[in-house]
Amino acid sequence: MSTPEMGTPGRTIVAAVREVVASIPAGFVASYGDVSRRIGTGPRQVGRAMGLLDDAPWWRVVYADGTPASCHGGRAVELLDEEGTPMLAGRAQMHRARHHWDAPDVVRAGENYVVVR
């Protein structure tokens, strides 16, 4: 997937955030900062755009320390757990769960990871 560029004519930050968030696979997360670096804006702008989305997996975007969003009645932890995201004490384990767009496609198979080409 190419990087969504904010400078593309007619492209809004909300559209760029939606595209990036939709590309985070189930079982993985990205921080607000990860998303912001991907589209060339700041993490607070990503947070604001996330508040306007209702059609993207919002629960896969977490704080830098792995703390999930508290909106939507605090359902993020439940949704991340259902997807098999590595969690510890209510936080995503960022060293295991962080999605890297420049890495090969990876799927989780139990506690193991499988590279898909």
PDB file of N, CA and C in Angstrom:
ATOM      1  N   MET A   1       0.846  -1.174   0.000  1.00  0.00           N
ATOM      2  CA  MET A   1       0.000   0.000   0.000  1.00  0.00           C
ATOM      3  C   MET A   1       0.882   1.225   0.000  1.00  0.00           C
ATOM      4  N   SER A   2       0.572   2.185  -0.815  1.00  0.00           N
ATOM      5  CA  SER A   2       1.351   3.415  -0.815  1.00  0.00           C
ATOM      6  C   SER A   2       0.928   4.277   0.367  1.00  0.00           C
ATOM      7  N   THR A   3       1.798   5.196   0.732  1.00  0.00           N
ATOM      8  CA  THR A   3       1.518   6.077   1.852  1.00  0.00           C
ATOM      9  C   THR A   3       0.469   7.102   1.462  1.00  0.00           C
ATOM     10  N   PRO A   4      -0.623   7.239   2.226  1.00  0.00           N
ATOM     11  CA  PRO A   4      -1.618   8.262   1.924  1.00  0.00           C
ATOM     12  C   PRO A   4      -1.004   9.641   2.125  1.00  0.00           C
ATOM     13  N   GLU A   5      -0.988  10.436   1.099  1.00  0.00           N
ATOM     14  CA  GLU A   5      -0.375  11.757   1.168  1.00  0.00           C
ATOM     15  C   GLU A   5      -1.425  12.818   1.459  1.00  0.00           C
ATOM     16  N   MET A   6      -1.137  13.654   2.444  1.00  0.00           N
ATOM     17  CA  MET A   6      -2.039  14.745   2.774  1.00  0.00           C
ATOM     18  C   MET A   6      -2.069  15.791   1.664  1.00  0.00           C
ATOM     19  N   GLY A   7      -0.981  15.941   0.896  1.00  0.00           N
ATOM     20  CA  GLY A   7      -0.903  16.970  -0.129  1.00  0.00           C
ATOM     21  C   GLY A   7      -1.661  16.627  -1.398  1.00  0.00           C
ATOM     22  N   THR A   8      -2.224  15.450  -1.499  1.00  0.00           N
ATOM     23  CA  THR A   8      -2.980  15.059  -2.682  1.00  0.00           C
ATOM     24  C   THR A   8      -4.225  15.928  -2.785  1.00  0.00           C
ATOM     25  N   PRO A   9      -4.478  16.542  -3.956  1.00  0.00           N
ATOM     26  CA  PRO A   9      -5.662  17.401  -4.104  1.00  0.00           C
ATOM     27  C   PRO A   9      -6.949  16.674  -3.722  1.00  0.00           C
ATOM     28  N   GLY A  10      -7.782  17.335  -2.938  1.00  0.00           N
ATOM     29  CA  GLY A  10      -9.056  16.781  -2.517  1.00  0.00           C
ATOM     30  C   GLY A  10      -8.969  15.799  -1.361  1.00  0.00           C
ATOM     31  N   ARG A  11      -7.777  15.494  -0.884  1.00  0.00           N
ATOM     32  CA  ARG A  11      -7.607  14.522   0.199  1.00  0.00           C
ATOM     33  C   ARG A  11      -7.733  15.234   1.543  1.00  0.00           C
ATOM     34  N   THR A  12      -8.532  14.690   2.418  1.00  0.00           N
ATOM     35  CA  THR A  12      -8.680  15.269   3.750  1.00  0.00           C
ATOM     36  C   THR A  12      -7.919  14.419   4.751  1.00  0.00           C
ATOM     37  N   ILE A  13      -7.643  14.995   5.897  1.00  0.00           N
ATOM     38  CA  ILE A  13      -6.974  14.242   6.951  1.00  0.00           C
ATOM     39  C   ILE A  13      -7.845  13.068   7.385  1.00  0.00           C
ATOM     40  N   VAL A  14      -9.152  13.256   7.410  1.00  0.00           N
ATOM     41  CA  VAL A  14     -10.046  12.175   7.822  1.00  0.00           C
ATOM     42  C   VAL A  14      -9.939  11.012   6.840  1.00  0.00           C
ATOM     43  N   ALA A  15      -9.901  11.297   5.541  1.00  0.00           N
ATOM     44  CA  ALA A  15      -9.774  10.237   4.531  1.00  0.00           C
ATOM     45  C   ALA A  15      -8.434   9.526   4.669  1.00  0.00           C
ATOM     46  N   ALA A  16      -7.356  10.283   4.902  1.00  0.00           N
ATOM     47  CA  ALA A  16      -6.032   9.685   5.060  1.00  0.00           C
ATOM     48  C   ALA A  16      -5.982   8.797   6.297  1.00  0.00           C
ATOM     49  N   VAL A  17      -6.538   9.274   7.409  1.00  0.00           N
ATOM     50  CA  VAL A  17      -6.566   8.483   8.644  1.00  0.00           C
ATOM     51  C   VAL A  17      -7.407   7.227   8.432  1.00  0.00           C
ATOM     52  N   ARG A  18      -8.562   7.370   7.790  1.00  0.00           N
ATOM     53  CA  ARG A  18      -9.429   6.215   7.524  1.00  0.00           C
ATOM     54  C   ARG A  18      -8.667   5.143   6.739  1.00  0.00           C
ATOM     55  N   GLU A  19      -7.941   5.549   5.703  1.00  0.00           N
ATOM     56  CA  GLU A  19      -7.204   4.595   4.873  1.00  0.00           C
ATOM     57  C   GLU A  19      -6.120   3.878   5.671  1.00  0.00           C
ATOM     58  N   VAL A  20      -5.385   4.622   6.476  1.00  0.00           N
ATOM     59  CA  VAL A  20      -4.310   4.017   7.265  1.00  0.00           C
ATOM     60  C   VAL A  20      -4.870   3.080   8.327  1.00  0.00           C
ATOM     61  N   VAL A  21      -5.886   3.523   9.046  1.00  0.00           N
ATOM     62  CA  VAL A  21      -6.470   2.702  10.111  1.00  0.00           C
ATOM     63  C   VAL A  21      -7.081   1.424   9.526  1.00  0.00           C
ATOM     64  N   ALA A  22      -7.712   1.528   8.372  1.00  0.00           N
ATOM     65  CA  ALA A  22      -8.307   0.356   7.727  1.00  0.00           C
ATOM     66  C   ALA A  22      -7.243  -0.659   7.307  1.00  0.00           C
ATOM     67  N   SER A  23      -6.008  -0.202   7.156  1.00  0.00           N
ATOM     68  CA  SER A  23      -4.932  -1.112   6.731  1.00  0.00           C
ATOM     69  C   SER A  23      -4.261  -1.847   7.891  1.00  0.00           C
ATOM     70  N   ILE A  24      -4.623  -1.521   9.127  1.00  0.00           N
ATOM     71  CA  ILE A  24      -4.059  -2.212  10.292  1.00  0.00           C
ATOM     72  C   ILE A  24      -4.782  -3.546  10.430  1.00  0.00           C
ATOM     73  N   PRO A  25      -4.060  -4.663  10.307  1.00  0.00           N
ATOM     74  CA  PRO A  25      -4.741  -5.969  10.375  1.00  0.00           C
ATOM     75  C   PRO A  25      -5.255  -6.295  11.780  1.00  0.00           C
ATOM     76  N   ALA A  26      -6.270  -7.140  11.818  1.00  0.00           N
ATOM     77  CA  ALA A  26      -6.783  -7.639  13.093  1.00  0.00           C
ATOM     78  C   ALA A  26      -5.638  -8.293  13.862  1.00  0.00           C
ATOM     79  N   GLY A  27      -5.586  -8.042  15.169  1.00  0.00           N
ATOM     80  CA  GLY A  27      -4.530  -8.605  16.006  1.00  0.00           C
ATOM     81  C   GLY A  27      -3.331  -7.697  16.151  1.00  0.00           C
ATOM     82  N   PHE A  28      -3.358  -6.558  15.466  1.00  0.00           N
ATOM     83  CA  PHE A  28      -2.259  -5.593  15.522  1.00  0.00           C
ATOM     84  C   PHE A  28      -2.812  -4.222  15.874  1.00  0.00           C
ATOM     85  N   VAL A  29      -1.935  -3.325  16.307  1.00  0.00           N
ATOM     86  CA  VAL A  29      -2.316  -1.960  16.635  1.00  0.00           C
ATOM     87  C   VAL A  29      -1.283  -0.992  16.075  1.00  0.00           C
ATOM     88  N   ALA A  30      -1.641   0.279  16.101  1.00  0.00           N
ATOM     89  CA  ALA A  30      -0.707   1.364  15.789  1.00  0.00           C
ATOM     90  C   ALA A  30      -0.999   2.482  16.771  1.00  0.00           C
ATOM     91  N   SER A  31       0.018   3.242  17.112  1.00  0.00           N
ATOM     92  CA  SER A  31      -0.200   4.386  18.003  1.00  0.00           C
ATOM     93  C   SER A  31      -0.670   5.580  17.169  1.00  0.00           C
ATOM     94  N   TYR A  32      -1.209   6.572  17.858  1.00  0.00           N
ATOM     95  CA  TYR A  32      -1.604   7.803  17.177  1.00  0.00           C
ATOM     96  C   TYR A  32      -0.388   8.391  16.460  1.00  0.00           C
ATOM     97  N   GLY A  33       0.780   8.302  17.082  1.00  0.00           N
ATOM     98  CA  GLY A  33       2.011   8.790  16.470  1.00  0.00           C
ATOM     99  C   GLY A  33       2.399   7.998  15.240  1.00  0.00           C
ATOM    100  N   ASP A  34       2.219   6.671  15.275  1.00  0.00           N
ATOM    101  CA  ASP A  34       2.505   5.839  14.106  1.00  0.00           C
ATOM    102  C   ASP A  34       1.655   6.291  12.920  1.00  0.00           C
ATOM    103  N   VAL A  35       0.366   6.480  13.166  1.00  0.00           N
ATOM    104  CA  VAL A  35      -0.547   6.904  12.107  1.00  0.00           C
ATOM    105  C   VAL A  35      -0.168   8.288  11.611  1.00  0.00           C
ATOM    106  N   SER A  36       0.168   9.191  12.523  1.00  0.00           N
ATOM    107  CA  SER A  36       0.503  10.556  12.124  1.00  0.00           C
ATOM    108  C   SER A  36       1.759  10.598  11.258  1.00  0.00           C
ATOM    109  N   ARG A  37       2.755   9.786  11.595  1.00  0.00           N
ATOM    110  CA  ARG A  37       3.972   9.741  10.768  1.00  0.00           C
ATOM    111  C   ARG A  37       3.671   9.168   9.396  1.00  0.00           C
ATOM    112  N   ARG A  38       2.745   8.242   9.337  1.00  0.00           N
ATOM    113  CA  ARG A  38       2.382   7.611   8.065  1.00  0.00           C
ATOM    114  C   ARG A  38       1.744   8.603   7.096  1.00  0.00           C
ATOM    115  N   ILE A  39       0.980   9.564   7.625  1.00  0.00           N
ATOM    116  CA  ILE A  39       0.293  10.504   6.744  1.00  0.00           C
ATOM    117  C   ILE A  39       0.875  11.913   6.773  1.00  0.00           C
ATOM    118  N   GLY A  40       1.868  12.141   7.628  1.00  0.00           N
ATOM    119  CA  GLY A  40       2.530  13.442   7.642  1.00  0.00           C
ATOM    120  C   GLY A  40       1.784  14.527   8.387  1.00  0.00           C
ATOM    121  N   THR A  41       1.236  14.192   9.542  1.00  0.00           N
ATOM    122  CA  THR A  41       0.558  15.171  10.382  1.00  0.00           C
ATOM    123  C   THR A  41       0.911  14.863  11.835  1.00  0.00           C
ATOM    124  N   GLY A  42       0.236  15.497  12.784  1.00  0.00           N
ATOM    125  CA  GLY A  42       0.525  15.268  14.194  1.00  0.00           C
ATOM    126  C   GLY A  42      -0.448  14.292  14.837  1.00  0.00           C
ATOM    127  N   PRO A  43      -0.043  13.665  15.958  1.00  0.00           N
ATOM    128  CA  PRO A  43      -0.910  12.689  16.622  1.00  0.00           C
ATOM    129  C   PRO A  43      -2.225  13.288  17.131  1.00  0.00           C
ATOM    130  N   ARG A  44      -2.213  14.538  17.528  1.00  0.00           N
ATOM    131  CA  ARG A  44      -3.468  15.153  17.996  1.00  0.00           C
ATOM    132  C   ARG A  44      -4.461  15.306  16.853  1.00  0.00           C
ATOM    133  N   GLN A  45      -3.948  15.617  15.659  1.00  0.00           N
ATOM    134  CA  GLN A  45      -4.819  15.718  14.492  1.00  0.00           C
ATOM    135  C   GLN A  45      -5.405  14.344  14.152  1.00  0.00           C
ATOM    136  N   VAL A  46      -4.597  13.306  14.333  1.00  0.00           N
ATOM    137  CA  VAL A  46      -5.096  11.942  14.112  1.00  0.00           C
ATOM    138  C   VAL A  46      -6.216  11.640  15.103  1.00  0.00           C
ATOM    139  N   GLY A  47      -5.999  11.995  16.368  1.00  0.00           N
ATOM    140  CA  GLY A  47      -7.033  11.768  17.379  1.00  0.00           C
ATOM    141  C   GLY A  47      -8.324  12.486  17.047  1.00  0.00           C
ATOM    142  N   ARG A  48      -8.209  13.711  16.572  1.00  0.00           N
ATOM    143  CA  ARG A  48      -9.403  14.479  16.191  1.00  0.00           C
ATOM    144  C   ARG A  48     -10.117  13.801  15.019  1.00  0.00           C
ATOM    145  N   ALA A  49      -9.346  13.386  14.014  1.00  0.00           N
ATOM    146  CA  ALA A  49      -9.932  12.709  12.853  1.00  0.00           C
ATOM    147  C   ALA A  49     -10.580  11.392  13.264  1.00  0.00           C
ATOM    148  N   MET A  50      -9.942  10.669  14.196  1.00  0.00           N
ATOM    149  CA  MET A  50     -10.500   9.399  14.659  1.00  0.00           C
ATOM    150  C   MET A  50     -11.889   9.602  15.255  1.00  0.00           C
ATOM    151  N   GLY A  51     -12.084  10.741  15.929  1.00  0.00           N
ATOM    152  CA  GLY A  51     -13.382  11.043  16.519  1.00  0.00           C
ATOM    153  C   GLY A  51     -14.477  11.253  15.494  1.00  0.00           C
ATOM    154  N   LEU A  52     -14.082  11.481  14.246  1.00  0.00           N
ATOM    155  CA  LEU A  52     -15.058  11.696  13.179  1.00  0.00           C
ATOM    156  C   LEU A  52     -15.327  10.435  12.356  1.00  0.00           C
ATOM    157  N   LEU A  53     -14.594   9.378  12.651  1.00  0.00           N
ATOM    158  CA  LEU A  53     -14.754   8.129  11.899  1.00  0.00           C
ATOM    159  C   LEU A  53     -15.746   7.212  12.578  1.00  0.00           C
ATOM    160  N   ASP A  54     -16.585   6.588  11.779  1.00  0.00           N
ATOM    161  CA  ASP A  54     -17.472   5.562  12.323  1.00  0.00           C
ATOM    162  C   ASP A  54     -17.381   4.288  11.491  1.00  0.00           C
ATOM    163  N   ASP A  55     -16.495   4.293  10.508  1.00  0.00           N
ATOM    164  CA  ASP A  55     -16.410   3.165   9.587  1.00  0.00           C
ATOM    165  C   ASP A  55     -14.996   2.591   9.497  1.00  0.00           C
ATOM    166  N   ALA A  56     -14.256   2.713  10.564  1.00  0.00           N
ATOM    167  CA  ALA A  56     -12.881   2.192  10.597  1.00  0.00           C
ATOM    168  C   ALA A  56     -12.664   1.505  11.944  1.00  0.00           C
ATOM    169  N   PRO A  57     -11.735   0.551  12.001  1.00  0.00           N
ATOM    170  CA  PRO A  57     -11.481  -0.165  13.265  1.00  0.00           C
ATOM    171  C   PRO A  57     -10.723   0.718  14.268  1.00  0.00           C
ATOM    172  N   TRP A  58     -11.427   1.656  14.860  1.00  0.00           N
ATOM    173  CA  TRP A  58     -10.868   2.669  15.762  1.00  0.00           C
ATOM    174  C   TRP A  58     -10.104   2.050  16.924  1.00  0.00           C
ATOM    175  N   TRP A  59     -10.511   0.867  17.387  1.00  0.00           N
ATOM    176  CA  TRP A  59      -9.896   0.237  18.558  1.00  0.00           C
ATOM    177  C   TRP A  59      -8.455  -0.190  18.295  1.00  0.00           C
ATOM    178  N   ARG A  60      -8.029  -0.243  17.043  1.00  0.00           N
ATOM    179  CA  ARG A  60      -6.664  -0.646  16.715  1.00  0.00           C
ATOM    180  C   ARG A  60      -5.668   0.506  16.812  1.00  0.00           C
ATOM    181  N   VAL A  61      -6.140   1.705  17.128  1.00  0.00           N
ATOM    182  CA  VAL A  61      -5.253   2.859  17.335  1.00  0.00           C
ATOM    183  C   VAL A  61      -5.207   3.126  18.837  1.00  0.00           C
ATOM    184  N   VAL A  62      -4.003   3.075  19.394  1.00  0.00           N
ATOM    185  CA  VAL A  62      -3.809   3.166  20.839  1.00  0.00           C
ATOM    186  C   VAL A  62      -2.801   4.263  21.163  1.00  0.00           C
ATOM    187  N   TYR A  63      -2.683   4.585  22.436  1.00  0.00           N
ATOM    188  CA  TYR A  63      -1.653   5.518  22.879  1.00  0.00           C
ATOM    189  C   TYR A  63      -0.282   4.849  22.755  1.00  0.00           C
ATOM    190  N   ALA A  64       0.771   5.632  22.788  1.00  0.00           N
ATOM    191  CA  ALA A  64       2.136   5.119  22.602  1.00  0.00           C
ATOM    192  C   ALA A  64       2.496   4.022  23.596  1.00  0.00           C
ATOM    193  N   ASP A  65       1.908   4.057  24.782  1.00  0.00           N
ATOM    194  CA  ASP A  65       2.210   3.026  25.792  1.00  0.00           C
ATOM    195  C   ASP A  65       1.307   1.799  25.672  1.00  0.00           C
ATOM    196  N   GLY A  66       0.457   1.772  24.625  1.00  0.00           N
ATOM    197  CA  GLY A  66      -0.420   0.632  24.406  1.00  0.00           C
ATOM    198  C   GLY A  66      -1.799   0.755  25.030  1.00  0.00           C
ATOM    199  N   THR A  67      -2.046   1.847  25.737  1.00  0.00           N
ATOM    200  CA  THR A  67      -3.354   2.041  26.362  1.00  0.00           C
ATOM    201  C   THR A  67      -4.408   2.274  25.287  1.00  0.00           C
ATOM    202  N   PRO A  68      -5.469   1.469  25.276  1.00  0.00           N
ATOM    203  CA  PRO A  68      -6.527   1.650  24.281  1.00  0.00           C
ATOM    204  C   PRO A  68      -7.372   2.885  24.571  1.00  0.00           C
ATOM    205  N   ALA A  69      -8.092   3.325  23.542  1.00  0.00           N
ATOM    206  CA  ALA A  69      -9.019   4.449  23.692  1.00  0.00           C
ATOM    207  C   ALA A  69     -10.099   4.090  24.700  1.00  0.00           C
ATOM    208  N   SER A  70     -10.602   5.095  25.381  1.00  0.00           N
ATOM    209  CA  SER A  70     -11.641   4.859  26.390  1.00  0.00           C
ATOM    210  C   SER A  70     -13.029   5.207  25.863  1.00  0.00           C
ATOM    211  N   CYS A  71     -13.124   5.647  24.614  1.00  0.00           N
ATOM    212  CA  CYS A  71     -14.429   5.986  24.044  1.00  0.00           C
ATOM    213  C   CYS A  71     -15.231   4.718  23.734  1.00  0.00           C
ATOM    214  N   HIS A  72     -16.414   4.890  23.201  1.00  0.00           N
ATOM    215  CA  HIS A  72     -17.289   3.768  22.840  1.00  0.00           C
ATOM    216  C   HIS A  72     -17.534   2.841  24.033  1.00  0.00           C
ATOM    217  N   GLY A  73     -17.706   3.437  25.188  1.00  0.00           N
ATOM    218  CA  GLY A  73     -18.016   2.660  26.378  1.00  0.00           C
ATOM    219  C   GLY A  73     -16.884   1.765  26.857  1.00  0.00           C
ATOM    220  N   GLY A  74     -15.645   2.110  26.464  1.00  0.00           N
ATOM    221  CA  GLY A  74     -14.497   1.330  26.906  1.00  0.00           C
ATOM    222  C   GLY A  74     -14.404  -0.047  26.262  1.00  0.00           C
ATOM    223  N   ARG A  75     -15.001  -0.227  25.074  1.00  0.00           N
ATOM    224  CA  ARG A  75     -15.043  -1.540  24.413  1.00  0.00           C
ATOM    225  C   ARG A  75     -13.741  -1.921  23.740  1.00  0.00           C
ATOM    226  N   ALA A  76     -12.773  -1.010  23.626  1.00  0.00           N
ATOM    227  CA  ALA A  76     -11.542  -1.294  22.883  1.00  0.00           C
ATOM    228  C   ALA A  76     -10.809  -2.524  23.410  1.00  0.00           C
ATOM    229  N   VAL A  77     -10.680  -2.650  24.710  1.00  0.00           N
ATOM    230  CA  VAL A  77      -9.969  -3.797  25.285  1.00  0.00           C
ATOM    231  C   VAL A  77     -10.653  -5.092  24.877  1.00  0.00           C
ATOM    232  N   GLU A  78     -11.961  -5.130  24.952  1.00  0.00           N
ATOM    233  CA  GLU A  78     -12.729  -6.318  24.565  1.00  0.00           C
ATOM    234  C   GLU A  78     -12.510  -6.646  23.077  1.00  0.00           C
ATOM    235  N   LEU A  79     -12.572  -5.637  22.220  1.00  0.00           N
ATOM    236  CA  LEU A  79     -12.410  -5.853  20.777  1.00  0.00           C
ATOM    237  C   LEU A  79     -10.993  -6.308  20.437  1.00  0.00           C
ATOM    238  N   LEU A  80      -9.993  -5.705  21.074  1.00  0.00           N
ATOM    239  CA  LEU A  80      -8.603  -6.115  20.844  1.00  0.00           C
ATOM    240  C   LEU A  80      -8.391  -7.548  21.302  1.00  0.00           C
ATOM    241  N   ASP A  81      -8.962  -7.881  22.443  1.00  0.00           N
ATOM    242  CA  ASP A  81      -8.844  -9.250  22.963  1.00  0.00           C
ATOM    243  C   ASP A  81      -9.495 -10.250  22.010  1.00  0.00           C
ATOM    244  N   GLU A  82     -10.664  -9.913  21.487  1.00  0.00           N
ATOM    245  CA  GLU A  82     -11.360 -10.790  20.532  1.00  0.00           C
ATOM    246  C   GLU A  82     -10.521 -11.042  19.281  1.00  0.00           C
ATOM    247  N   GLU A  83      -9.715 -10.053  18.877  1.00  0.00           N
ATOM    248  CA  GLU A  83      -8.884 -10.183  17.682  1.00  0.00           C
ATOM    249  C   GLU A  83      -7.557 -10.891  17.956  1.00  0.00           C
ATOM    250  N   GLY A  84      -7.298 -11.206  19.220  1.00  0.00           N
ATOM    251  CA  GLY A  84      -6.059 -11.891  19.567  1.00  0.00           C
ATOM    252  C   GLY A  84      -4.860 -10.978  19.702  1.00  0.00           C
ATOM    253  N   THR A  85      -5.093  -9.701  19.914  1.00  0.00           N
ATOM    254  CA  THR A  85      -4.004  -8.746  20.102  1.00  0.00           C
ATOM    255  C   THR A  85      -3.287  -9.049  21.410  1.00  0.00           C
ATOM    256  N   PRO A  86      -1.959  -9.151  21.401  1.00  0.00           N
ATOM    257  CA  PRO A  86      -1.227  -9.392  22.656  1.00  0.00           C
ATOM    258  C   PRO A  86      -1.460  -8.243  23.645  1.00  0.00           C
ATOM    259  N   MET A  87      -2.025  -8.569  24.788  1.00  0.00           N
ATOM    260  CA  MET A  87      -2.358  -7.579  25.809  1.00  0.00           C
ATOM    261  C   MET A  87      -1.735  -7.990  27.135  1.00  0.00           C
ATOM    262  N   LEU A  88      -1.446  -6.998  27.964  1.00  0.00           N
ATOM    263  CA  LEU A  88      -0.964  -7.237  29.320  1.00  0.00           C
ATOM    264  C   LEU A  88      -1.469  -6.100  30.186  1.00  0.00           C
ATOM    265  N   ALA A  89      -2.201  -6.430  31.222  1.00  0.00           N
ATOM    266  CA  ALA A  89      -2.742  -5.449  32.162  1.00  0.00           C
ATOM    267  C   ALA A  89      -3.550  -4.359  31.451  1.00  0.00           C
ATOM    268  N   GLY A  90      -4.354  -4.770  30.469  1.00  0.00           N
ATOM    269  CA  GLY A  90      -5.233  -3.825  29.788  1.00  0.00           C
ATOM    270  C   GLY A  90      -4.577  -2.970  28.731  1.00  0.00           C
ATOM    271  N   ARG A  91      -3.327  -3.243  28.403  1.00  0.00           N
ATOM    272  CA  ARG A  91      -2.613  -2.482  27.369  1.00  0.00           C
ATOM    273  C   ARG A  91      -2.108  -3.423  26.287  1.00  0.00           C
ATOM    274  N   ALA A  92      -2.074  -2.917  25.050  1.00  0.00           N
ATOM    275  CA  ALA A  92      -1.478  -3.695  23.966  1.00  0.00           C
ATOM    276  C   ALA A  92       0.023  -3.775  24.201  1.00  0.00           C
ATOM    277  N   GLN A  93       0.590  -4.934  24.012  1.00  0.00           N
ATOM    278  CA  GLN A  93       2.046  -5.100  24.126  1.00  0.00           C
ATOM    279  C   GLN A  93       2.657  -4.593  22.815  1.00  0.00           C
ATOM    280  N   MET A  94       3.090  -3.346  22.827  1.00  0.00           N
ATOM    281  CA  MET A  94       3.516  -2.671  21.597  1.00  0.00           C
ATOM    282  C   MET A  94       4.670  -3.391  20.901  1.00  0.00           C
ATOM    283  N   HIS A  95       5.566  -4.009  21.644  1.00  0.00           N
ATOM    284  CA  HIS A  95       6.699  -4.696  21.013  1.00  0.00           C
ATOM    285  C   HIS A  95       6.249  -5.925  20.232  1.00  0.00           C
ATOM    286  N   ARG A  96       5.080  -6.438  20.541  1.00  0.00           N
ATOM    287  CA  ARG A  96       4.551  -7.610  19.836  1.00  0.00           C
ATOM    288  C   ARG A  96       3.404  -7.266  18.903  1.00  0.00           C
ATOM    289  N   ALA A  97       2.641  -6.233  19.233  1.00  0.00           N
ATOM    290  CA  ALA A  97       1.396  -5.958  18.512  1.00  0.00           C
ATOM    291  C   ALA A  97       1.491  -4.819  17.501  1.00  0.00           C
ATOM    292  N   ARG A  98       2.558  -4.033  17.535  1.00  0.00           N
ATOM    293  CA  ARG A  98       2.642  -2.871  16.639  1.00  0.00           C
ATOM    294  C   ARG A  98       2.714  -3.308  15.180  1.00  0.00           C
ATOM    295  N   HIS A  99       1.853  -2.709  14.355  1.00  0.00           N
ATOM    296  CA  HIS A  99       1.846  -2.972  12.912  1.00  0.00           C
ATOM    297  C   HIS A  99       2.924  -2.112  12.247  1.00  0.00           C
ATOM    298  N   HIS A 100       3.677  -2.735  11.364  1.00  0.00           N
ATOM    299  CA  HIS A 100       4.716  -2.029  10.598  1.00  0.00           C
ATOM    300  C   HIS A 100       4.346  -2.126   9.128  1.00  0.00           C
ATOM    301  N   TRP A 101       4.036  -1.007   8.512  1.00  0.00           N
ATOM    302  CA  TRP A 101       3.585  -1.008   7.126  1.00  0.00           C
ATOM    303  C   TRP A 101       4.681  -1.406   6.152  1.00  0.00           C
ATOM    304  N   ASP A 102       5.931  -1.197   6.509  1.00  0.00           N
ATOM    305  CA  ASP A 102       7.016  -1.512   5.582  1.00  0.00           C
ATOM    306  C   ASP A 102       7.492  -2.960   5.701  1.00  0.00           C
ATOM    307  N   ALA A 103       6.928  -3.703   6.632  1.00  0.00           N
ATOM    308  CA  ALA A 103       7.300  -5.114   6.809  1.00  0.00           C
ATOM    309  C   ALA A 103       6.437  -5.977   5.885  1.00  0.00           C
ATOM    310  N   PRO A 104       6.865  -7.205   5.620  1.00  0.00           N
ATOM    311  CA  PRO A 104       6.009  -8.114   4.841  1.00  0.00           C
ATOM    312  C   PRO A 104       4.696  -8.329   5.576  1.00  0.00           C
ATOM    313  N   ASP A 105       3.669  -8.699   4.849  1.00  0.00           N
ATOM    314  CA  ASP A 105       2.400  -9.003   5.495  1.00  0.00           C
ATOM    315  C   ASP A 105       2.607 -10.160   6.467  1.00  0.00           C
ATOM    316  N   VAL A 106       2.078  -9.996   7.666  1.00  0.00           N
ATOM    317  CA  VAL A 106       2.265 -10.991   8.719  1.00  0.00           C
ATOM    318  C   VAL A 106       0.899 -11.326   9.291  1.00  0.00           C
ATOM    319  N   VAL A 107       0.676 -12.582   9.547  1.00  0.00           N
ATOM    320  CA  VAL A 107      -0.553 -12.988  10.224  1.00  0.00           C
ATOM    321  C   VAL A 107      -0.184 -13.731  11.493  1.00  0.00           C
ATOM    322  N   ARG A 108      -1.022 -13.613  12.489  1.00  0.00           N
ATOM    323  CA  ARG A 108      -0.780 -14.273  13.761  1.00  0.00           C
ATOM    324  C   ARG A 108      -1.393 -15.671  13.711  1.00  0.00           C
ATOM    325  N   ALA A 109      -0.619 -16.645  14.086  1.00  0.00           N
ATOM    326  CA  ALA A 109      -1.098 -18.022  14.175  1.00  0.00           C
ATOM    327  C   ALA A 109      -0.821 -18.481  15.595  1.00  0.00           C
ATOM    328  N   GLY A 110      -1.797 -18.302  16.474  1.00  0.00           N
ATOM    329  CA  GLY A 110      -1.584 -18.589  17.893  1.00  0.00           C
ATOM    330  C   GLY A 110      -0.565 -17.617  18.449  1.00  0.00           C
ATOM    331  N   GLU A 111       0.488 -18.122  19.036  1.00  0.00           N
ATOM    332  CA  GLU A 111       1.560 -17.274  19.571  1.00  0.00           C
ATOM    333  C   GLU A 111       2.656 -17.034  18.538  1.00  0.00           C
ATOM    334  N   ASN A 112       2.506 -17.603  17.349  1.00  0.00           N
ATOM    335  CA  ASN A 112       3.523 -17.483  16.308  1.00  0.00           C
ATOM    336  C   ASN A 112       3.066 -16.523  15.225  1.00  0.00           C
ATOM    337  N   TYR A 113       4.000 -16.041  14.429  1.00  0.00           N
ATOM    338  CA  TYR A 113       3.722 -15.156  13.323  1.00  0.00           C
ATOM    339  C   TYR A 113       4.126 -15.860  12.035  1.00  0.00           C
ATOM    340  N   VAL A 114       3.329 -15.682  10.996  1.00  0.00           N
ATOM    341  CA  VAL A 114       3.595 -16.293   9.712  1.00  0.00           C
ATOM    342  C   VAL A 114       3.708 -15.196   8.676  1.00  0.00           C
ATOM    343  N   VAL A 115       4.808 -15.155   7.916  1.00  0.00           N
ATOM    344  CA  VAL A 115       4.979 -14.158   6.861  1.00  0.00           C
ATOM    345  C   VAL A 115       4.224 -14.622   5.633  1.00  0.00           C
ATOM    346  N   VAL A 116       3.437 -13.717   5.065  1.00  0.00           N
ATOM    347  CA  VAL A 116       2.648 -14.003   3.877  1.00  0.00           C
ATOM    348  C   VAL A 116       3.184 -13.135   2.747  1.00  0.00           C
ATOM    349  N   ARG A 117       3.539 -13.731   1.644  1.00  0.00           N
ATOM    350  CA  ARG A 117       4.070 -12.963   0.500  1.00  0.00           C
ATOM    351  C   ARG A 117       3.051 -12.897  -0.606  1.00  0.00           C
TER     352      ARG A 117
END
